[in-house]
């Protein structure tokens, strides 16, 4: 998958099984630090909607809750956050 910078992205696991994926970002210079800090939040158990949103805001990453709600409604998704 090619995900150009500045284009909203949405991912979800369409199964009941846990999912692991590998993302390769190039160049990684702008994305490396927030992903490292997100991993630390997740590993420490401190990741939740508020802490992830605060982290994202500090790096200029934008969430689109209205679009998420639309996808959830249209596709019947369960939303728990990627930090769970």
C-alpha atoms as a PDB file:
ATOM      1  CA  UNK A   1       0.000   0.000   0.000  1.00  0.00           C
ATOM      2  CA  UNK A   2       1.256   3.470  -0.820  1.00  0.00           C
ATOM      3  CA  UNK A   3       0.138   6.139   1.623  1.00  0.00           C
ATOM      4  CA  UNK A   4       1.225   9.589   0.453  1.00  0.00           C
ATOM      5  CA  UNK A   5       1.826  12.234   3.114  1.00  0.00           C
ATOM      6  CA  UNK A   6      -1.178  14.402   3.848  1.00  0.00           C
ATOM      7  CA  UNK A   7      -3.763  11.808   2.795  1.00  0.00           C
ATOM      8  CA  UNK A   8      -6.059  10.470   5.565  1.00  0.00           C
ATOM      9  CA  UNK A   9      -5.626   6.761   6.279  1.00  0.00           C
ATOM     10  CA  UNK A  10      -7.876   4.282   8.007  1.00  0.00           C
ATOM     11  CA  UNK A  11      -7.025   0.727   9.033  1.00  0.00           C
ATOM     12  CA  UNK A  12      -8.954  -1.927  10.929  1.00  0.00           C
ATOM     13  CA  UNK A  13      -8.810  -5.605  11.636  1.00  0.00           C
ATOM     14  CA  UNK A  14     -11.776  -7.305   9.939  1.00  0.00           C
ATOM     15  CA  UNK A  15     -11.341 -10.489  12.001  1.00  0.00           C
ATOM     16  CA  UNK A  16     -11.761 -11.474  15.644  1.00  0.00           C
ATOM     17  CA  UNK A  17      -8.115 -12.554  15.805  1.00  0.00           C
ATOM     18  CA  UNK A  18      -5.350 -10.223  17.060  1.00  0.00           C
ATOM     19  CA  UNK A  19      -3.506  -8.471  14.264  1.00  0.00           C
ATOM     20  CA  UNK A  20       0.129  -7.546  13.858  1.00  0.00           C
ATOM     21  CA  UNK A  21       1.443  -5.572  10.927  1.00  0.00           C
ATOM     22  CA  UNK A  22       4.672  -4.006   9.798  1.00  0.00           C
ATOM     23  CA  UNK A  23       4.675  -0.485   8.454  1.00  0.00           C
ATOM     24  CA  UNK A  24       7.635   0.849   6.527  1.00  0.00           C
ATOM     25  CA  UNK A  25       7.684   4.620   6.198  1.00  0.00           C
ATOM     26  CA  UNK A  26      10.160   6.332   3.908  1.00  0.00           C
ATOM     27  CA  UNK A  27      11.578   8.747   4.611  1.00  0.00           C
ATOM     28  CA  UNK A  28      10.935   8.008   8.259  1.00  0.00           C
ATOM     29  CA  UNK A  29      12.466  11.124   9.764  1.00  0.00           C
ATOM     30  CA  UNK A  30       9.157  12.918  10.503  1.00  0.00           C
ATOM     31  CA  UNK A  31       7.286   9.823  11.666  1.00  0.00           C
ATOM     32  CA  UNK A  32       9.932   7.939  13.637  1.00  0.00           C
ATOM     33  CA  UNK A  33       9.769   9.914  16.903  1.00  0.00           C
ATOM     34  CA  UNK A  34       5.972   9.937  17.360  1.00  0.00           C
ATOM     35  CA  UNK A  35       5.791   6.191  16.617  1.00  0.00           C
ATOM     36  CA  UNK A  36       8.565   5.498  19.136  1.00  0.00           C
ATOM     37  CA  UNK A  37       6.721   7.568  21.757  1.00  0.00           C
ATOM     38  CA  UNK A  38       3.432   5.828  20.930  1.00  0.00           C
ATOM     39  CA  UNK A  39       5.118   2.461  21.470  1.00  0.00           C
ATOM     40  CA  UNK A  40       6.316   3.663  24.875  1.00  0.00           C
ATOM     41  CA  UNK A  41       2.764   4.741  25.796  1.00  0.00           C
ATOM     42  CA  UNK A  42       1.373   1.360  24.745  1.00  0.00           C
ATOM     43  CA  UNK A  43       4.102  -0.628  26.526  1.00  0.00           C
ATOM     44  CA  UNK A  44       3.661   1.358  29.757  1.00  0.00           C
ATOM     45  CA  UNK A  45      -0.118   0.883  29.730  1.00  0.00           C
ATOM     46  CA  UNK A  46      -0.628   4.671  29.601  1.00  0.00           C
ATOM     47  CA  UNK A  47      -2.062   4.750  26.070  1.00  0.00           C
ATOM     48  CA  UNK A  48      -5.681   5.825  25.856  1.00  0.00           C
ATOM     49  CA  UNK A  49      -7.681   8.158  23.636  1.00  0.00           C
ATOM     50  CA  UNK A  50      -6.543  11.267  25.526  1.00  0.00           C
ATOM     51  CA  UNK A  51      -2.818  10.454  25.732  1.00  0.00           C
ATOM     52  CA  UNK A  52      -2.658   9.313  22.112  1.00  0.00           C
ATOM     53  CA  UNK A  53      -4.502  12.449  20.947  1.00  0.00           C
ATOM     54  CA  UNK A  54      -2.116  14.667  22.936  1.00  0.00           C
ATOM     55  CA  UNK A  55       0.892  12.884  21.465  1.00  0.00           C
ATOM     56  CA  UNK A  56      -0.487  13.176  17.936  1.00  0.00           C
ATOM     57  CA  UNK A  57      -1.240  16.865  18.338  1.00  0.00           C
ATOM     58  CA  UNK A  58       2.332  17.530  19.432  1.00  0.00           C
ATOM     59  CA  UNK A  59       3.576  16.113  16.128  1.00  0.00           C
ATOM     60  CA  UNK A  60       0.940  17.588  13.834  1.00  0.00           C
ATOM     61  CA  UNK A  61      -0.799  14.236  13.311  1.00  0.00           C
ATOM     62  CA  UNK A  62      -4.529  14.614  12.839  1.00  0.00           C
ATOM     63  CA  UNK A  63      -7.338  12.233  13.731  1.00  0.00           C
ATOM     64  CA  UNK A  64     -10.721  12.505  12.008  1.00  0.00           C
ATOM     65  CA  UNK A  65     -13.323  11.279  14.532  1.00  0.00           C
ATOM     66  CA  UNK A  66     -16.233  12.177  12.245  1.00  0.00           C
ATOM     67  CA  UNK A  67     -14.841   9.989   9.472  1.00  0.00           C
ATOM     68  CA  UNK A  68     -14.205   7.209  11.973  1.00  0.00           C
ATOM     69  CA  UNK A  69     -17.830   7.372  13.101  1.00  0.00           C
ATOM     70  CA  UNK A  70     -18.984   7.192   9.479  1.00  0.00           C
ATOM     71  CA  UNK A  71     -16.832   4.111   8.800  1.00  0.00           C
ATOM     72  CA  UNK A  72     -17.971   2.447  12.017  1.00  0.00           C
ATOM     73  CA  UNK A  73     -21.619   2.996  11.123  1.00  0.00           C
ATOM     74  CA  UNK A  74     -21.268   1.982   7.474  1.00  0.00           C
ATOM     75  CA  UNK A  75     -19.160  -1.131   8.085  1.00  0.00           C
ATOM     76  CA  UNK A  76     -20.461  -2.201  11.491  1.00  0.00           C
ATOM     77  CA  UNK A  77     -17.050  -1.939  13.118  1.00  0.00           C
ATOM     78  CA  UNK A  78     -16.258  -2.122  16.825  1.00  0.00           C
ATOM     79  CA  UNK A  79     -13.969   0.696  17.916  1.00  0.00           C
ATOM     80  CA  UNK A  80     -11.505   0.148  20.733  1.00  0.00           C
ATOM     81  CA  UNK A  81      -8.442   2.053  19.619  1.00  0.00           C
ATOM     82  CA  UNK A  82      -5.178   0.676  18.362  1.00  0.00           C
ATOM     83  CA  UNK A  83      -3.697   0.984  21.838  1.00  0.00           C
ATOM     84  CA  UNK A  84      -5.707  -1.989  23.136  1.00  0.00           C
END
